[in-house]
N, C-alpha and C. Protein backbone atom coordinates (compact mmCIF):
# COMPACT_ATOMS: atom_id res chain seq x y z
N GLY A 1 74.20 210.64 95.44
CA GLY A 1 75.83 210.33 96.28
C GLY A 1 76.33 211.26 95.78
N CYS A 2 77.66 211.41 96.69
CA CYS A 2 78.66 212.34 96.05
C CYS A 2 80.40 211.67 95.80
N PRO A 3 81.11 212.01 95.11
CA PRO A 3 82.12 211.30 95.15
C PRO A 3 83.00 211.80 95.65
N GLY A 4 83.67 210.78 96.06
CA GLY A 4 84.82 211.01 97.02
C GLY A 4 86.09 209.87 96.98
N VAL A 5 86.78 210.10 98.45
CA VAL A 5 87.54 209.22 97.91
C VAL A 5 86.98 207.63 98.00
N LEU A 6 86.08 207.34 97.93
CA LEU A 6 85.72 206.26 97.33
C LEU A 6 85.37 205.99 95.93
N ALA A 7 85.59 207.04 95.39
CA ALA A 7 85.53 207.10 94.10
C ALA A 7 86.45 206.05 93.72
N VAL A 8 87.67 205.87 93.96
CA VAL A 8 89.31 205.75 94.22
C VAL A 8 88.28 204.23 93.47
N LEU A 9 87.75 203.35 94.45
CA LEU A 9 86.97 202.17 94.76
C LEU A 9 85.75 201.93 93.97
N GLY A 10 85.92 203.03 93.26
CA GLY A 10 84.54 203.07 92.59
C GLY A 10 82.98 202.71 93.29
N LEU A 11 82.99 203.27 94.52
CA LEU A 11 82.30 203.33 95.50
C LEU A 11 81.62 204.66 95.34
N GLU A 12 80.08 204.93 95.91
CA GLU A 12 79.95 206.28 95.96
C GLU A 12 79.13 206.34 97.60
N ALA A 13 79.26 207.52 97.95
CA ALA A 13 79.27 207.99 99.06
C ALA A 13 77.77 208.22 99.23
N ALA A 14 76.72 207.68 100.69
CA ALA A 14 75.23 207.51 100.45
C ALA A 14 74.82 209.33 101.30
N ALA A 15 74.90 209.00 102.53
CA ALA A 15 74.57 210.01 103.59
C ALA A 15 75.08 211.53 103.21
N PRO A 16 74.59 212.76 103.56
CA PRO A 16 75.25 213.93 103.73
C PRO A 16 76.38 213.75 104.64
N GLY A 17 76.43 213.25 105.72
CA GLY A 17 77.39 213.46 107.04
C GLY A 17 78.69 212.26 106.66
N GLU A 18 77.86 211.01 105.97
CA GLU A 18 79.09 210.39 105.60
C GLU A 18 79.79 210.82 104.15
N CYS A 19 79.05 211.66 103.37
CA CYS A 19 79.63 212.39 102.12
C CYS A 19 80.63 213.18 102.94
N GLU A 20 79.98 214.31 103.61
CA GLU A 20 81.18 215.15 104.03
C GLU A 20 82.24 214.39 104.51
N LEU A 21 82.00 213.69 105.29
CA LEU A 21 83.34 212.98 105.90
C LEU A 21 84.34 212.27 104.78
N THR A 22 83.51 211.76 104.02
CA THR A 22 84.59 210.61 102.90
C THR A 22 85.33 212.17 102.01
N ARG A 23 84.66 213.17 102.27
CA ARG A 23 85.64 214.57 101.58
C ARG A 23 86.37 214.87 102.17
N LEU A 24 86.44 214.88 103.33
CA LEU A 24 87.54 215.29 104.35
C LEU A 24 89.01 214.41 104.29
N LEU A 25 88.55 213.00 104.25
CA LEU A 25 89.05 211.74 104.25
C LEU A 25 89.78 211.83 102.96
N GLN A 26 89.46 211.77 101.79
CA GLN A 26 90.24 212.65 100.54
C GLN A 26 90.85 213.15 100.63
N ASP A 27 90.91 214.53 101.21
CA ASP A 27 92.05 215.32 101.28
C ASP A 27 92.94 215.05 101.90
N LYS A 28 92.73 214.44 103.10
CA LYS A 28 93.63 214.15 103.94
C LYS A 28 94.75 212.87 103.17
N LEU A 29 93.72 212.00 102.84
CA LEU A 29 94.44 210.81 101.92
C LEU A 29 95.49 211.27 100.82
N GLN A 30 95.06 212.20 100.26
CA GLN A 30 96.12 212.17 99.25
C GLN A 30 97.46 212.09 98.67
N TYR A 31 97.43 211.84 97.66
CA TYR A 31 98.62 210.70 98.01
C TYR A 31 100.00 211.81 97.67
N GLU A 32 100.24 212.45 98.13
CA GLU A 32 101.40 213.50 98.57
C GLU A 32 101.25 213.86 99.82
N MET A 33 100.22 213.64 100.53
CA MET A 33 100.07 213.59 101.92
C MET A 33 100.76 212.18 102.97
N ARG A 34 100.26 211.10 101.73
CA ARG A 34 100.23 209.78 102.85
C ARG A 34 101.89 209.79 102.37
N LEU A 35 102.66 210.19 100.69
CA LEU A 35 103.90 209.70 100.74
C LEU A 35 104.97 210.85 101.77
N GLN A 36 104.15 211.77 102.18
CA GLN A 36 105.34 212.56 103.08
C GLN A 36 104.69 211.60 104.45
N TYR A 37 103.98 211.63 104.84
CA TYR A 37 103.62 211.35 106.39
C TYR A 37 103.17 209.49 106.60
N MET A 38 103.28 209.21 105.43
CA MET A 38 103.30 207.70 105.97
C MET A 38 104.65 206.83 105.17
N LYS A 39 105.42 207.70 104.39
CA LYS A 39 106.62 206.88 103.89
C LYS A 39 107.83 208.21 104.07
N HIS A 40 108.11 209.33 103.87
CA HIS A 40 109.48 210.01 103.93
C HIS A 40 109.79 209.95 105.43
N TYR A 41 109.13 209.98 106.45
CA TYR A 41 108.92 210.68 107.69
C TYR A 41 109.07 208.80 108.33
N PHE A 42 108.85 208.17 107.52
CA PHE A 42 109.76 207.11 108.70
C PHE A 42 110.67 206.35 108.22
N PRO A 43 111.64 205.61 108.88
CA PRO A 43 113.16 205.04 108.73
C PRO A 43 112.30 204.25 107.21
N ILE A 44 113.75 204.52 106.31
CA ILE A 44 113.71 203.20 105.35
C ILE A 44 113.12 202.05 105.57
N ASP A 45 113.74 201.14 106.34
CA ASP A 45 113.28 199.27 107.21
C ASP A 45 112.51 199.69 108.01
N TYR A 46 111.89 201.01 107.93
CA TYR A 46 110.00 200.40 108.94
C TYR A 46 109.05 199.67 108.44
N THR A 47 108.70 198.47 108.79
CA THR A 47 107.40 198.12 108.59
C THR A 47 106.29 198.08 110.11
N VAL A 48 105.11 197.65 109.61
CA VAL A 48 104.07 197.80 110.56
C VAL A 48 103.54 196.18 110.30
N GLN A 49 103.28 195.22 111.05
CA GLN A 49 102.79 193.98 110.75
C GLN A 49 101.17 193.94 110.48
N VAL A 50 101.12 193.46 109.76
CA VAL A 50 99.91 193.28 108.99
C VAL A 50 99.66 191.45 108.75
N GLN A 51 98.03 191.39 108.96
CA GLN A 51 97.74 190.22 108.55
C GLN A 51 96.81 189.96 107.06
N TYR A 52 97.18 189.28 106.74
CA TYR A 52 96.93 189.25 104.83
C TYR A 52 95.14 189.95 104.99
N GLU A 53 93.94 189.35 106.00
CA GLU A 53 92.71 189.93 105.80
C GLU A 53 92.75 191.65 106.17
N GLU A 54 94.17 191.88 106.70
CA GLU A 54 93.88 193.34 106.66
C GLU A 54 93.71 194.63 105.77
N VAL A 55 94.56 193.47 104.54
CA VAL A 55 95.14 194.72 102.82
C VAL A 55 93.74 194.23 102.78
N LEU A 56 93.40 195.44 102.18
CA LEU A 56 92.29 196.11 101.34
C LEU A 56 92.26 196.56 99.88
N ARG A 57 92.47 195.21 98.98
CA ARG A 57 93.01 195.37 97.62
C ARG A 57 91.57 196.36 96.16
N PRO A 58 91.90 196.96 95.56
CA PRO A 58 90.98 196.65 94.56
C PRO A 58 90.41 195.61 93.73
N SER A 59 91.30 194.64 93.67
CA SER A 59 90.55 193.81 93.30
C SER A 59 89.57 192.71 94.14
N ASN A 60 90.18 192.57 95.15
CA ASN A 60 89.01 192.17 96.19
C ASN A 60 87.86 192.82 95.88
N ILE A 61 87.59 194.21 95.86
CA ILE A 61 86.50 195.06 95.86
C ILE A 61 85.63 194.49 94.73
N THR A 62 86.53 194.82 93.49
CA THR A 62 85.80 193.99 91.93
C THR A 62 85.01 193.01 92.26
N ARG A 63 86.10 192.02 92.98
CA ARG A 63 85.08 190.21 93.18
C ARG A 63 84.32 190.73 94.09
N LEU A 64 83.73 191.19 95.11
CA LEU A 64 82.58 191.25 96.04
C LEU A 64 81.47 192.19 95.57
N ARG A 65 81.95 193.39 94.61
CA ARG A 65 80.97 193.74 94.34
C ARG A 65 79.95 192.62 93.09
N ASN A 66 81.24 192.11 91.83
CA ASN A 66 80.48 191.18 91.14
C ASN A 66 79.55 190.17 91.86
N GLY A 67 80.04 189.57 93.37
CA GLY A 67 79.39 188.79 94.19
C GLY A 67 77.91 189.76 94.31
N THR A 68 77.37 189.61 95.27
CA THR A 68 75.92 189.94 95.85
C THR A 68 76.52 190.83 97.14
N VAL A 69 77.46 191.55 96.98
CA VAL A 69 77.53 192.45 98.36
C VAL A 69 77.32 193.96 97.97
N SER A 70 76.69 194.54 98.81
CA SER A 70 76.05 195.59 98.71
C SER A 70 76.72 196.93 98.75
N GLU A 71 76.52 198.03 97.97
CA GLU A 71 77.48 199.19 98.20
C GLU A 71 77.80 199.77 99.43
N ALA A 72 76.42 199.87 100.52
CA ALA A 72 76.56 200.15 101.55
C ALA A 72 77.69 199.19 102.58
N ALA A 73 77.36 197.77 102.20
CA ALA A 73 78.75 197.04 103.02
C ALA A 73 79.80 197.33 102.37
N LEU A 74 80.22 197.42 101.20
CA LEU A 74 81.72 197.66 100.79
C LEU A 74 81.90 199.00 101.18
N ARG A 75 81.06 200.40 101.64
CA ARG A 75 81.49 201.18 101.86
C ARG A 75 81.92 201.00 103.33
N TYR A 76 81.26 200.30 104.32
CA TYR A 76 81.79 199.91 105.76
C TYR A 76 82.81 199.27 105.71
N LEU A 77 82.96 198.51 104.96
CA LEU A 77 84.49 197.33 104.69
C LEU A 77 85.18 198.47 104.52
N TRP A 78 85.48 199.17 103.52
CA TRP A 78 86.52 200.34 103.26
C TRP A 78 86.46 201.06 104.45
N PHE A 79 85.41 201.27 105.61
CA PHE A 79 85.71 202.23 106.69
C PHE A 79 86.50 201.28 107.62
N HIS A 80 85.85 200.28 107.67
CA HIS A 80 86.80 199.56 108.51
C HIS A 80 88.04 198.78 108.66
N VAL A 81 88.45 198.57 107.53
CA VAL A 81 89.76 198.15 106.82
C VAL A 81 90.56 199.47 107.71
N SER A 82 90.38 200.90 106.93
CA SER A 82 91.16 201.64 106.39
C SER A 82 91.37 202.13 107.92
N SER A 83 90.53 202.28 108.56
CA SER A 83 90.25 203.00 110.11
C SER A 83 91.33 201.98 111.03
N GLN A 84 90.88 201.12 111.08
CA GLN A 84 92.23 199.71 111.80
C GLN A 84 93.58 200.04 111.13
N ALA A 85 94.03 200.33 110.06
CA ALA A 85 95.12 200.80 109.54
C ALA A 85 95.97 201.64 109.91
N VAL A 86 94.90 202.86 110.00
CA VAL A 86 95.56 204.01 110.76
C VAL A 86 95.79 204.02 112.14
N LEU A 87 94.88 203.35 113.22
CA LEU A 87 94.82 202.79 114.16
C LEU A 87 96.22 201.79 114.71
N ARG A 88 96.24 201.04 114.06
CA ARG A 88 97.68 200.51 114.24
C ARG A 88 98.87 201.14 114.06
N ILE A 89 98.90 202.20 112.60
CA ILE A 89 99.88 203.50 112.99
C ILE A 89 99.94 204.03 114.03
N ARG A 90 99.24 204.40 114.92
CA ARG A 90 98.98 205.23 115.59
C ARG A 90 99.35 204.89 116.89
N GLU A 91 99.00 203.90 117.24
CA GLU A 91 99.81 202.83 118.09
C GLU A 91 100.93 202.45 118.36
N VAL A 92 102.08 202.85 117.54
CA VAL A 92 103.63 203.28 117.45
C VAL A 92 104.46 204.62 117.66
N LEU A 93 103.32 205.60 117.13
CA LEU A 93 103.64 206.75 116.76
C LEU A 93 104.22 207.42 118.22
N PRO A 94 105.05 207.56 118.65
CA PRO A 94 105.33 208.76 119.79
C PRO A 94 105.08 209.84 119.54
N GLU A 95 104.46 210.90 120.68
CA GLU A 95 103.70 211.93 119.93
C GLU A 95 104.30 213.22 119.84
N LYS A 96 106.00 212.79 119.67
CA LYS A 96 106.59 214.22 118.57
C LYS A 96 106.75 213.71 117.16
N HIS A 97 106.43 212.12 117.21
CA HIS A 97 106.96 212.13 115.42
C HIS A 97 106.24 212.62 115.01
N PRO A 98 107.15 213.43 113.47
CA PRO A 98 106.22 214.20 113.05
C PRO A 98 104.90 213.95 111.97
N SER A 99 104.41 212.49 112.01
CA SER A 99 103.57 211.92 111.41
C SER A 99 102.19 211.96 112.23
N TRP A 100 102.63 212.76 113.57
CA TRP A 100 101.44 211.94 114.94
C TRP A 100 100.32 212.27 114.77
N LYS A 101 100.40 214.03 114.28
CA LYS A 101 99.39 214.96 113.96
C LYS A 101 98.59 214.51 113.21
N TYR A 102 98.93 214.27 111.65
CA TYR A 102 98.63 214.19 110.41
C TYR A 102 97.92 212.77 110.91
N THR A 103 98.11 211.60 111.41
CA THR A 103 97.29 210.17 112.09
C THR A 103 96.36 210.54 112.81
N GLN A 104 96.34 211.37 113.63
CA GLN A 104 95.65 212.13 114.86
C GLN A 104 94.10 212.47 113.93
N GLU A 105 94.55 213.22 113.28
CA GLU A 105 93.10 213.46 112.64
C GLU A 105 92.81 212.73 111.77
N LEU A 106 93.67 211.73 110.92
CA LEU A 106 92.74 211.08 110.55
C LEU A 106 91.98 209.70 111.45
N CYS A 107 92.34 209.81 112.37
CA CYS A 107 91.95 208.48 113.66
C CYS A 107 90.28 209.53 113.92
N GLN A 108 90.84 210.73 113.87
CA GLN A 108 89.14 211.82 114.72
C GLN A 108 88.17 211.59 113.40
N LEU A 109 88.59 211.56 111.73
CA LEU A 109 87.95 211.76 110.56
C LEU A 109 87.04 209.96 110.59
N PHE A 110 88.02 209.33 110.63
CA PHE A 110 87.34 207.93 110.85
C PHE A 110 86.93 207.66 112.15
N ASP A 111 86.86 208.05 113.66
CA ASP A 111 85.78 208.13 114.34
C ASP A 111 84.41 208.95 114.10
N ALA A 112 84.40 209.85 113.78
CA ALA A 112 83.03 210.58 113.15
C ALA A 112 82.60 209.61 112.18
N LEU A 113 83.28 209.25 111.00
CA LEU A 113 82.67 208.54 110.24
C LEU A 113 81.95 207.41 110.53
N GLY A 114 82.82 206.53 111.87
CA GLY A 114 82.36 204.95 112.50
C GLY A 114 80.87 205.76 113.33
N LYS A 115 80.64 207.19 113.80
CA LYS A 115 80.01 207.31 114.14
C LYS A 115 78.20 207.69 113.30
N GLU A 116 78.25 207.87 112.25
CA GLU A 116 77.76 207.79 111.12
C GLU A 116 77.00 206.71 110.89
N TYR A 117 78.01 205.65 110.79
CA TYR A 117 77.96 204.12 110.30
C TYR A 117 76.78 203.51 111.67
N SER A 118 77.07 203.78 112.44
CA SER A 118 76.19 203.77 113.85
C SER A 118 75.02 204.42 113.56
N ARG A 119 74.57 204.85 113.48
CA ARG A 119 73.39 205.95 113.38
C ARG A 119 72.76 205.24 112.46
N TYR A 120 73.31 204.91 111.36
CA TYR A 120 72.24 204.50 110.49
C TYR A 120 71.82 202.81 110.37
N ARG A 121 72.55 202.33 111.48
CA ARG A 121 72.14 200.74 111.53
C ARG A 121 71.17 201.24 112.97
N GLN A 122 70.94 202.01 113.70
CA GLN A 122 69.92 201.78 114.47
C GLN A 122 68.74 202.00 114.09
């Protein structure tokens, strides 16, 4: 395996394609970038409505890991929840918004990761 953004959740990436994509995502999801593009560039009272099930907390991951959920399933869960959150944000951003390009790049990385996962399942 290789360390990546999933290390935050205590997960290790598996296949080389997945590994490289999670490394790229880790670079894009650094705290300073998230702060700038997902907080500072938004109005103070700006919110995006999400369902309770759409929020992935480290405690939920720990609970799942202590159960019978495989590492691969946890990686896919992280991918699914994260990519859906980014899509939700992109839906409300106009193209001229300073965070649009950043969000678009995240979507492309998540799309590529999704293709990797669909190849594994075949």
